[in-house]
Amino acid sequence: QEIAKIGAWTVDLRERNKNWWSDSMKTIHGLKPEDPPPSLDYYDRVNKNDVEPFIEAFEAASKTGSYEFTYRMRRYSDDKEIILHAISKVFRDAENNPLMHVGIAQDVTEQTELQSELKKTNKKLSSIIDSVPGVVFNCAFDDAYSMNFISSYAEQLTGYKAEEFYPTGDFKFADLVHPDDTESLRNQLRKALAEKRKYIFNYRIITKQGDDKWVLENGEFVHGKKGKITIDGVIIDISERMKAEDRMLQEVYEAEDKTRRKISQEIHDGLQQSLITAKLNLDAVIKEAMVLSIGTQKRLNTGMDYLGKSINETRAIAHVLMPKAIKDFGLVAAVENLLENLHSKVEFHLTENLREERISRVIELGLFRIIQESVNNIMKYSEAKKAFIQINKMEELISMTIEDDGKGFDTQDILSKNKGFGLMSMQSRVSAMNGFIEIESEPGSGTMILVEIPLAKKIEISS
C-alpha cells in the first residue's frame, strides 16, 4: 500500500468517532501512525472548488451503495496540495439502513501531473506537426499502408481528410499512389527495408479531385514487438519543383539543339566547303600528276583518300548533330534515313502511322534522339538479331516502342547505380516533354522501351 500510495479507511455513519484509517492512509495525508483519524475538520482541508461535489458524492453513496471521487486536499503536515482518488462501498444493517463506508484512497498526484505534462507535450507535438508543410504519418508496412496516424495536412495534399484513411476510414493510402508508380514504390521500400536504411523516394499520387501530383516521401522503418514493422515518415508536395525542373530541362535541350544546329551549319558551310574546294583543286592537280615521281603520286593519292574520308565524316557528323530530314521531312523520314545508313548485323523494322504528318518539332527531335540512343545501344550491347520500332499517333498522345530480342540486362542494377547514362538521358528527355517512359528488361529476355508523349498538353520552350 505504501509503495502504491494507497490507504484504507472506514467511516461509521452512526458514530463518527469510530472512524478508522490505516497507517498508509495517515502517511498519505501527512499524519503520524499514532495520530487519530480526522473527523469533520477534514472538509476544511479539501480544495474549496471540490468541497461541494465531494460532500454530494459522499452523501449520494448512502442511496447508490458506492462512492468514487477524485479531489484535491491539503496535507496536514505541510499544507501541500495532493490529489486523491477515493472508492468506497456502503454496508447496511438488517433494515437496509447505511452503517458504514469501507473504502480506499490513492494518492494520484504524480500520475495526474504526468498526464497533464503528457497532454501539454502532445499539444506541442500536434502544433509542430500542424506547422509542417507536409503530411506526417505512421503506417503499417502492409498492402494498404494502413495509417496508424496521419496529420491533418493530408486533406490539403490529397483532398482526403485524415479520418477517411484506412483503417479509420475506407480509403486505402495505397490506392492514392499512381498506378504507374505502385510497383516501383513497393520495390524501393522492400529494398530499403532489406538494407536497413532510411529512404527518400519521389512518386506520383492521384488526388480526390483526380489531379496528378508529384510527392517526395522521407521515412524510416520501425521494428516493433512480435515482428511488427511500421513506417514513420513525411510526405511533401514537390509538383512545382518538378515542373520547374522540367522547364529547366526543356531549356537545356533547346539550348543543346540550337548548339547542334549551329555546329552542324558551321561544319556544312565552313569546314566541309573548304575540304570540298581543296579536293576539287587537288583533282585538277592529279590530271597532271604524270610528271611527278611514283612516290609523290602515291602520297598524293593517299592524301586524296584521306581528304575524301574527311569530307564523308564531316557530312556524317553534321547529319548526326542535326538531321536535315527532321527539319525538312519530319520524324519518320529521319528514322528511315537513320536505319538505311546503318552498317549493322541487327535487322531493324519500323512501323508507324504518321507518314508525312508533322507533330511538334520538339517532340520529333526528342523522339529521334531516343531512337538514336536506343539503336546505338542495341548495336553495341544487345547481341540482338532483330529490333522493332513502332511509332503510333493517337488522339491525345504519341506512343513509341523499341524492342529487341537481345540478351537483356538488369534495369534496377543499371539505373540504381547510375551506370546507364544513355537510359537516364532518355528519361530526362521524356520528362522534359511531360511524358512517360517504361524500360523493361531482364537478362536473357531482350529489352522493351515504351515512351508516351501527350499531344494535348503544349510543351513549352523558353525563348
Protein backbone atom coordinates (compact mmCIF):
# COMPACT_ATOMS: atom_id res chain seq x y z
CA GLN A 1 0.00 0.00 0.00
CA GLU A 2 2.82 2.41 0.84
CA ILE A 3 4.54 1.80 -2.49
CA ALA A 4 1.32 2.32 -4.42
CA LYS A 5 0.36 5.17 -2.08
CA ILE A 6 -2.94 3.51 -1.26
CA GLY A 7 -4.61 3.77 2.15
CA ALA A 8 -7.68 2.03 3.61
CA TRP A 9 -10.37 3.76 5.66
CA THR A 10 -13.78 3.31 7.22
CA VAL A 11 -16.39 5.86 8.26
CA ASP A 12 -19.06 4.86 10.79
CA LEU A 13 -22.19 6.63 9.64
CA ARG A 14 -23.76 6.38 13.15
CA GLU A 15 -20.76 7.25 15.33
CA ARG A 16 -18.15 9.40 13.58
CA ASN A 17 -15.68 8.98 16.46
CA LYS A 18 -15.31 5.33 15.42
CA ASN A 19 -13.70 6.18 12.06
CA TRP A 20 -10.58 4.21 11.17
CA TRP A 21 -7.56 4.92 8.92
CA SER A 22 -4.69 2.59 8.04
CA ASP A 23 -1.13 3.77 8.70
CA SER A 24 -0.54 4.27 4.94
CA MET A 25 -3.73 6.37 4.80
CA LYS A 26 -2.35 8.61 7.55
CA THR A 27 1.04 8.84 5.81
CA ILE A 28 -0.61 9.97 2.58
CA HIS A 29 -2.31 12.79 4.49
CA GLY A 30 0.84 13.84 6.36
CA LEU A 31 -0.16 12.30 9.70
CA LYS A 32 1.78 10.04 12.05
CA PRO A 33 0.66 6.44 12.70
CA GLU A 34 -0.28 7.35 16.27
CA ASP A 35 -2.44 10.32 15.21
CA PRO A 36 -6.21 9.75 15.33
CA PRO A 37 -8.20 9.90 12.08
CA PRO A 38 -9.67 13.36 11.42
CA SER A 39 -13.39 13.89 11.63
CA LEU A 40 -15.47 16.83 10.37
CA ASP A 41 -12.45 19.17 10.01
CA TYR A 42 -11.40 17.04 7.03
CA TYR A 43 -13.70 19.07 4.81
CA ASP A 44 -11.73 22.20 5.70
CA ARG A 45 -8.66 20.76 4.01
CA VAL A 46 -10.43 19.85 0.78
CA ASN A 47 -9.93 22.31 -2.09
CA LYS A 48 -12.81 24.79 -1.95
CA ASN A 49 -13.76 24.03 -5.55
CA ASP A 50 -14.08 20.33 -4.70
CA VAL A 51 -15.87 20.53 -1.29
CA GLU A 52 -19.45 20.69 -2.52
CA PRO A 53 -19.22 17.90 -5.14
CA PHE A 54 -17.18 15.87 -2.59
CA ILE A 55 -19.99 16.06 0.02
CA GLU A 56 -22.69 15.42 -2.59
CA ALA A 57 -20.94 12.30 -3.87
CA PHE A 58 -20.35 11.01 -0.34
CA GLU A 59 -23.97 11.51 0.74
CA ALA A 60 -25.34 10.08 -2.52
CA ALA A 61 -23.47 6.85 -1.77
CA SER A 62 -25.97 6.14 1.06
CA LYS A 63 -28.56 5.61 -1.69
CA THR A 64 -26.42 4.18 -4.51
CA GLY A 65 -24.32 1.92 -2.29
CA SER A 66 -20.94 3.05 -3.58
CA TYR A 67 -18.76 6.12 -3.84
CA GLU A 68 -15.95 7.14 -6.24
CA PHE A 69 -14.49 10.62 -6.44
CA THR A 70 -11.24 12.43 -7.27
CA TYR A 71 -10.47 15.58 -5.31
CA ARG A 72 -7.70 17.89 -4.10
CA MET A 73 -6.79 18.46 -0.46
CA ARG A 74 -4.02 19.94 1.70
CA ARG A 75 -1.87 17.59 3.73
CA TYR A 76 -1.86 18.05 7.49
CA SER A 77 1.90 18.14 7.88
CA ASP A 78 2.92 20.76 5.28
CA ASP A 79 -0.28 22.05 3.61
CA LYS A 80 0.97 20.67 0.31
CA GLU A 81 -1.89 20.04 -2.10
CA ILE A 82 -2.28 16.47 -3.24
CA ILE A 83 -4.80 14.73 -5.50
CA LEU A 84 -6.68 11.71 -4.13
CA HIS A 85 -8.89 9.17 -5.84
CA ALA A 86 -11.26 7.53 -3.31
CA ILE A 87 -13.52 4.48 -3.71
CA SER A 88 -15.85 3.00 -1.10
CA LYS A 89 -18.75 0.61 -0.59
CA VAL A 90 -21.63 1.21 1.83
CA PHE A 91 -22.59 -1.61 4.19
CA ARG A 92 -26.16 -1.76 5.63
CA ASP A 93 -27.95 -3.26 8.64
CA ALA A 94 -30.85 -5.74 8.58
CA GLU A 95 -33.33 -2.91 7.96
CA ASN A 96 -31.24 -1.74 4.96
CA ASN A 97 -30.04 1.37 6.78
CA PRO A 98 -26.49 2.51 5.86
CA LEU A 99 -23.98 1.57 8.59
CA MET A 100 -20.53 2.46 7.28
CA HIS A 101 -18.30 3.27 4.31
CA VAL A 102 -15.40 0.88 3.73
CA GLY A 103 -13.01 2.21 1.15
CA ILE A 104 -9.56 3.02 -0.14
CA ALA A 105 -7.87 6.23 -1.28
CA GLN A 106 -4.88 6.56 -3.61
CA ASP A 107 -2.51 9.50 -3.96
CA VAL A 108 -2.63 10.11 -7.75
CA THR A 109 -0.78 13.42 -7.69
CA GLU A 110 2.21 12.19 -9.68
CA GLN A 111 0.09 10.33 -12.23
CA THR A 112 -2.16 13.36 -12.71
CA GLU A 113 0.83 15.67 -13.13
CA LEU A 114 2.41 13.26 -15.61
CA GLN A 115 -0.85 13.09 -17.55
CA SER A 116 -1.03 16.87 -17.56
CA GLU A 117 2.55 17.12 -18.83
CA LEU A 118 1.79 14.47 -21.43
CA LYS A 119 -1.20 16.48 -22.62
CA LYS A 120 0.97 19.59 -22.87
CA THR A 121 3.64 17.64 -24.78
CA ASN A 122 1.05 16.18 -27.12
CA LYS A 123 -0.38 19.63 -27.69
CA LYS A 124 3.08 20.98 -28.55
CA LEU A 125 3.75 18.00 -30.79
CA SER A 126 0.41 18.49 -32.54
CA SER A 127 1.27 22.15 -33.03
CA ILE A 128 4.65 21.22 -34.54
CA ILE A 129 3.08 18.59 -36.80
CA ASP A 130 0.40 21.04 -37.94
CA SER A 131 3.10 23.56 -38.84
CA VAL A 132 4.96 21.09 -41.09
CA PRO A 133 4.21 21.88 -44.77
CA GLY A 134 3.60 18.22 -45.48
CA VAL A 135 1.93 15.03 -44.30
CA VAL A 136 3.40 13.45 -41.15
CA PHE A 137 2.41 9.80 -40.80
CA ASN A 138 2.95 6.43 -39.19
CA CYS A 139 1.65 3.45 -41.11
CA ALA A 140 1.87 -0.31 -41.19
CA PHE A 141 4.07 -1.82 -43.88
CA ASP A 142 1.23 -3.78 -45.47
CA ASP A 143 -0.55 -3.81 -48.82
CA ALA A 144 -2.83 -0.92 -47.82
CA TYR A 145 -0.21 1.19 -45.95
CA SER A 146 -2.73 1.20 -43.08
CA MET A 147 -2.47 4.53 -41.30
CA ASN A 148 -1.91 4.44 -37.53
CA PHE A 149 -1.56 8.23 -37.66
CA ILE A 150 -1.74 10.79 -40.45
CA SER A 151 -1.68 14.57 -39.95
CA SER A 152 -4.44 16.94 -40.99
CA TYR A 153 -2.29 18.29 -43.87
CA ALA A 154 -3.34 15.15 -45.73
CA GLU A 155 -6.53 16.91 -46.80
CA GLN A 156 -4.62 19.81 -48.35
CA LEU A 157 -2.28 17.48 -50.22
CA THR A 158 -4.65 14.68 -51.24
CA GLY A 159 -8.18 16.01 -50.81
CA TYR A 160 -8.93 13.24 -48.29
CA LYS A 161 -9.41 14.00 -44.59
CA ALA A 162 -7.21 12.17 -42.09
CA GLU A 163 -10.16 10.16 -40.78
CA GLU A 164 -11.00 8.92 -44.29
CA PHE A 165 -7.84 6.82 -44.50
CA TYR A 166 -7.96 3.11 -43.73
CA PRO A 167 -8.34 1.60 -41.13
CA THR A 168 -10.25 4.51 -39.52
CA GLY A 169 -11.99 5.13 -42.84
CA ASP A 170 -12.45 3.13 -46.02
CA PHE A 171 -9.87 4.75 -48.34
CA LYS A 172 -6.53 2.96 -48.54
CA PHE A 173 -3.42 5.09 -48.95
CA ALA A 174 -2.09 2.52 -51.43
CA ASP A 175 -4.94 3.49 -53.76
CA LEU A 176 -3.65 7.07 -53.73
CA VAL A 177 -0.40 6.11 -55.47
CA HIS A 178 -0.37 6.49 -59.25
CA PRO A 179 -0.80 3.04 -60.90
CA ASP A 180 2.41 3.51 -62.91
CA ASP A 181 4.40 4.09 -59.69
CA THR A 182 2.78 1.48 -57.40
CA GLU A 183 5.13 -1.43 -58.09
CA SER A 184 8.23 0.77 -58.23
CA LEU A 185 7.40 2.31 -54.83
CA ARG A 186 6.77 -1.11 -53.28
CA ASN A 187 10.09 -2.47 -54.64
CA GLN A 188 12.05 0.53 -53.39
CA LEU A 189 10.51 0.18 -49.91
CA ARG A 190 11.38 -3.52 -49.81
CA LYS A 191 14.95 -2.71 -50.81
CA ALA A 192 15.29 -0.01 -48.13
CA LEU A 193 13.91 -2.43 -45.52
CA ALA A 194 16.34 -5.17 -46.57
CA GLU A 195 19.27 -2.72 -46.40
CA LYS A 196 18.07 -1.38 -43.00
CA ARG A 197 18.28 2.26 -44.05
CA LYS A 198 16.19 5.39 -44.27
CA TYR A 199 14.76 6.26 -47.65
CA ILE A 200 13.76 9.21 -49.85
CA PHE A 201 11.54 8.50 -52.86
CA ASN A 202 9.67 10.55 -55.47
CA TYR A 203 6.40 9.26 -56.86
CA ARG A 204 3.02 10.46 -58.10
CA ILE A 205 -0.36 10.43 -56.40
CA ILE A 206 -3.87 10.97 -57.73
CA THR A 207 -5.86 13.33 -55.52
CA LYS A 208 -9.53 13.08 -54.64
CA GLN A 209 -10.17 15.68 -57.32
CA GLY A 210 -8.41 13.50 -59.92
CA ASP A 211 -5.27 15.64 -60.23
CA ASP A 212 -1.77 14.19 -60.51
CA LYS A 213 0.79 15.44 -58.00
CA TRP A 214 4.44 14.66 -57.51
CA VAL A 215 5.40 14.00 -53.88
CA LEU A 216 8.62 13.30 -52.01
CA GLU A 217 8.45 10.78 -49.17
CA ASN A 218 11.16 10.66 -46.50
CA GLY A 219 10.84 7.83 -44.00
CA GLU A 220 12.34 5.03 -41.96
CA PHE A 221 11.20 1.63 -40.74
CA VAL A 222 10.39 0.95 -37.08
CA HIS A 223 10.64 -2.62 -35.79
CA GLY A 224 8.12 -3.25 -33.01
CA LYS A 225 7.17 -6.19 -30.85
CA LYS A 226 6.34 -9.58 -32.39
CA GLY A 227 8.00 -8.59 -35.66
CA LYS A 228 5.55 -5.77 -36.38
CA ILE A 229 7.00 -3.26 -38.87
CA THR A 230 5.75 0.30 -39.24
CA ILE A 231 6.95 3.36 -41.15
CA ASP A 232 7.48 6.85 -39.75
CA GLY A 233 7.66 9.46 -42.46
CA VAL A 234 6.87 12.81 -44.03
CA ILE A 235 5.35 13.43 -47.47
CA ILE A 236 5.69 16.83 -49.16
CA ASP A 237 4.31 18.21 -52.42
CA ILE A 238 7.09 18.73 -54.99
CA SER A 239 4.85 19.25 -58.03
CA GLU A 240 6.03 22.84 -58.57
CA ARG A 241 9.65 21.78 -58.19
CA MET A 242 9.18 19.02 -60.77
CA LYS A 243 7.55 21.50 -63.15
CA ALA A 244 10.47 23.87 -62.65
CA GLU A 245 12.94 21.04 -63.31
CA ASP A 246 11.00 20.10 -66.45
CA ARG A 247 11.13 23.69 -67.66
CA MET A 248 14.86 23.77 -66.96
CA LEU A 249 15.38 20.51 -68.87
CA GLN A 250 13.35 21.87 -71.76
CA GLU A 251 15.54 24.95 -71.84
CA VAL A 252 18.68 22.81 -71.65
CA TYR A 253 17.57 20.60 -74.54
CA GLU A 254 16.50 23.62 -76.59
CA ALA A 255 19.91 25.20 -75.99
CA GLU A 256 21.57 21.89 -76.85
CA ASP A 257 19.63 21.63 -80.11
CA LYS A 258 20.43 25.23 -81.00
CA THR A 259 24.11 24.48 -80.43
CA ARG A 260 23.87 21.32 -82.52
CA ARG A 261 22.24 23.28 -85.35
CA LYS A 262 24.89 25.96 -85.17
CA ILE A 263 27.79 23.49 -85.19
CA SER A 264 26.15 21.44 -87.95
CA GLN A 265 25.67 24.59 -90.04
CA GLU A 266 29.26 25.69 -89.45
CA ILE A 267 30.58 22.29 -90.46
CA HIS A 268 28.41 22.26 -93.58
CA ASP A 269 29.01 25.85 -94.65
CA GLY A 270 32.58 26.21 -93.42
CA LEU A 271 34.77 23.18 -92.92
CA GLN A 272 33.02 20.92 -95.40
CA GLN A 273 33.06 23.54 -98.16
CA SER A 274 36.76 24.20 -97.54
CA LEU A 275 37.52 20.48 -97.78
CA ILE A 276 35.49 20.15 -100.99
CA THR A 277 37.28 23.15 -102.51
CA ALA A 278 40.63 21.61 -101.58
CA LYS A 279 39.60 18.31 -103.19
CA LEU A 280 38.47 19.99 -106.40
CA ASN A 281 41.83 21.74 -106.69
CA LEU A 282 43.75 18.57 -105.99
CA ASP A 283 41.62 16.70 -108.53
CA ALA A 284 42.91 19.17 -111.13
CA VAL A 285 46.48 18.55 -109.96
CA ILE A 286 46.05 14.77 -110.30
CA LYS A 287 45.32 15.19 -114.03
CA GLU A 288 48.86 16.49 -114.40
CA ALA A 289 50.41 14.14 -111.86
CA MET A 290 52.19 12.08 -114.51
CA VAL A 291 55.16 14.44 -114.28
CA LEU A 292 55.53 13.57 -110.58
CA SER A 293 57.63 10.73 -109.26
CA ILE A 294 55.96 7.42 -108.39
CA GLY A 295 56.48 8.04 -104.65
CA THR A 296 54.99 11.52 -104.85
CA GLN A 297 51.99 10.20 -106.80
CA LYS A 298 51.36 7.59 -104.07
CA ARG A 299 51.50 10.21 -101.33
CA LEU A 300 49.17 12.43 -103.38
CA ASN A 301 46.66 9.57 -103.82
CA THR A 302 46.84 8.72 -100.11
CA GLY A 303 46.16 12.35 -99.23
CA MET A 304 43.21 12.39 -101.62
CA ASP A 305 41.81 9.25 -99.99
CA TYR A 306 42.02 10.79 -96.51
CA LEU A 307 40.55 14.02 -97.80
CA GLY A 308 37.58 12.09 -99.26
CA LYS A 309 37.09 10.26 -95.95
CA SER A 310 37.22 13.58 -94.05
CA ILE A 311 34.52 15.04 -96.28
CA ASN A 312 32.32 11.98 -95.70
CA GLU A 313 32.95 12.06 -91.91
CA THR A 314 32.15 15.76 -91.59
CA ARG A 315 28.97 15.19 -93.61
CA ALA A 316 28.03 12.32 -91.25
CA ILE A 317 28.82 14.37 -88.13
CA ALA A 318 26.71 17.26 -89.39
CA HIS A 319 23.86 14.83 -90.07
CA VAL A 320 24.05 13.28 -86.58
CA LEU A 321 24.17 16.68 -84.92
CA MET A 322 21.05 17.89 -86.73
CA PRO A 323 19.49 15.52 -89.27
CA LYS A 324 18.26 17.57 -92.17
CA ALA A 325 15.45 15.07 -92.70
CA ILE A 326 13.80 16.07 -89.37
CA LYS A 327 13.69 19.74 -90.21
CA ASP A 328 12.57 19.21 -93.80
CA PHE A 329 10.58 15.97 -93.78
CA GLY A 330 9.77 15.03 -90.17
CA LEU A 331 10.41 12.19 -87.72
CA VAL A 332 9.56 9.19 -89.92
CA ALA A 333 11.82 10.26 -92.77
CA ALA A 334 14.67 10.93 -90.33
CA VAL A 335 14.32 7.49 -88.71
CA GLU A 336 14.10 5.76 -92.10
CA ASN A 337 17.23 7.60 -93.20
CA LEU A 338 18.99 6.62 -89.97
CA LEU A 339 18.16 2.92 -90.38
CA GLU A 340 19.04 2.85 -94.10
CA ASN A 341 22.55 4.12 -93.39
CA LEU A 342 23.33 1.67 -90.61
CA HIS A 343 26.09 -0.89 -91.09
CA SER A 344 24.81 -3.45 -88.61
CA LYS A 345 24.08 -7.17 -88.36
CA VAL A 346 20.85 -6.31 -86.48
CA GLU A 347 17.72 -6.38 -88.64
CA PHE A 348 15.72 -3.23 -87.83
CA HIS A 349 11.99 -2.89 -88.63
CA LEU A 350 9.99 0.35 -88.48
CA THR A 351 6.18 0.56 -88.37
CA GLU A 352 4.26 3.82 -87.93
CA ASN A 353 1.01 5.61 -88.75
CA LEU A 354 2.40 9.13 -89.13
CA ARG A 355 3.76 9.00 -92.66
CA GLU A 356 4.11 12.63 -93.76
CA GLU A 357 2.09 14.10 -90.87
CA ARG A 358 4.12 16.51 -88.77
CA ILE A 359 3.99 16.95 -85.00
CA SER A 360 5.75 19.38 -82.67
CA ARG A 361 9.40 19.78 -83.69
CA VAL A 362 10.35 19.46 -80.03
CA ILE A 363 8.64 16.05 -79.84
CA GLU A 364 10.04 14.95 -83.20
CA LEU A 365 13.58 15.80 -82.18
CA GLY A 366 13.19 14.33 -78.67
CA LEU A 367 11.86 11.00 -80.01
CA PHE A 368 14.56 10.90 -82.68
CA ARG A 369 17.30 11.32 -80.05
CA ILE A 370 15.77 8.47 -78.02
CA ILE A 371 15.70 6.25 -81.12
CA GLN A 372 19.31 7.20 -81.91
CA GLU A 373 20.40 6.25 -78.39
CA SER A 374 18.41 3.01 -78.44
CA VAL A 375 19.71 1.96 -81.86
CA ASN A 376 23.25 2.66 -80.73
CA ASN A 377 22.75 0.58 -77.54
CA ILE A 378 21.17 -2.30 -79.49
CA MET A 379 24.10 -2.47 -81.94
CA LYS A 380 26.79 -2.14 -79.24
CA TYR A 381 25.47 -4.21 -76.34
CA SER A 382 22.36 -6.29 -77.06
CA GLU A 383 23.68 -9.05 -79.34
CA ALA A 384 20.19 -8.95 -80.89
CA LYS A 385 19.23 -10.38 -84.26
CA LYS A 386 16.11 -8.29 -84.75
CA ALA A 387 14.76 -5.00 -83.43
CA PHE A 388 11.37 -3.35 -83.90
CA ILE A 389 10.48 0.35 -83.70
CA GLN A 390 6.79 1.32 -83.60
CA ILE A 391 5.54 4.91 -83.68
CA ASN A 392 1.79 5.44 -83.32
CA LYS A 393 -0.08 8.73 -83.13
CA MET A 394 -3.29 8.56 -81.13
CA GLU A 395 -5.89 11.21 -80.33
CA GLU A 396 -4.14 12.68 -77.28
CA LEU A 397 -0.66 11.17 -77.31
CA ILE A 398 2.06 9.69 -79.42
CA SER A 399 3.27 6.22 -78.40
CA MET A 400 6.62 4.69 -79.31
CA THR A 401 8.02 1.25 -78.51
CA ILE A 402 11.52 -0.05 -79.23
CA GLU A 403 12.01 -3.80 -78.76
CA ASP A 404 14.86 -6.19 -79.40
CA ASP A 405 15.47 -9.93 -78.95
CA GLY A 406 18.91 -9.46 -77.41
CA LYS A 407 20.47 -10.63 -74.15
CA GLY A 408 18.75 -8.01 -71.97
CA PHE A 409 20.03 -6.55 -68.69
CA ASP A 410 19.05 -5.85 -65.06
CA THR A 411 17.30 -2.46 -65.24
CA GLN A 412 17.25 -1.92 -61.46
CA ASP A 413 21.01 -2.54 -61.22
CA ILE A 414 21.84 -0.24 -64.13
CA LEU A 415 19.59 2.65 -63.08
CA SER A 416 20.15 2.45 -59.30
CA LYS A 417 23.94 2.59 -59.71
CA ASN A 418 23.83 5.38 -62.32
CA LYS A 419 25.57 3.14 -64.86
CA GLY A 420 23.13 3.74 -67.70
CA PHE A 421 23.85 7.32 -68.73
CA GLY A 422 22.03 6.77 -72.03
CA LEU A 423 18.95 5.39 -70.25
CA MET A 424 18.93 8.29 -67.78
CA SER A 425 19.29 10.71 -70.71
CA MET A 426 16.18 9.12 -72.27
CA GLN A 427 14.27 9.52 -69.01
CA SER A 428 15.29 13.18 -68.78
CA ARG A 429 14.19 13.85 -72.35
CA VAL A 430 10.82 12.20 -71.79
CA SER A 431 10.34 14.13 -68.55
CA ALA A 432 11.11 17.38 -70.37
CA MET A 433 8.28 16.54 -72.79
CA ASN A 434 5.86 15.83 -69.90
CA GLY A 435 5.80 12.20 -70.98
CA PHE A 436 6.03 8.69 -69.58
CA ILE A 437 8.79 6.13 -70.14
CA GLU A 438 8.98 2.50 -69.09
CA ILE A 439 12.07 0.32 -69.59
CA GLU A 440 11.52 -3.42 -69.27
CA SER A 441 14.40 -5.87 -69.49
CA GLU A 442 15.97 -8.77 -67.71
CA PRO A 443 18.95 -10.97 -68.55
CA GLY A 444 18.13 -13.38 -71.38
CA SER A 445 14.78 -11.79 -72.31
CA GLY A 446 15.54 -8.83 -74.54
CA THR A 447 14.56 -5.21 -73.91
CA MET A 448 11.42 -3.14 -74.43
CA ILE A 449 11.24 0.66 -74.13
CA LEU A 450 7.81 2.31 -74.08
CA VAL A 451 7.50 6.09 -74.46
CA GLU A 452 4.26 8.06 -74.37
CA ILE A 453 4.19 11.81 -75.02
CA PRO A 454 0.98 13.86 -74.58
CA LEU A 455 -0.07 15.90 -77.59
CA ALA A 456 -2.95 17.79 -75.96
CA LYS A 457 -0.66 19.47 -73.43
CA LYS A 458 1.60 22.02 -75.05
CA ILE A 459 5.29 21.55 -74.38
CA GLU A 460 6.60 24.98 -73.58
CA ILE A 461 10.06 26.02 -74.67
CA SER A 462 11.69 29.05 -73.13
CA SER A 463 12.89 31.61 -75.63
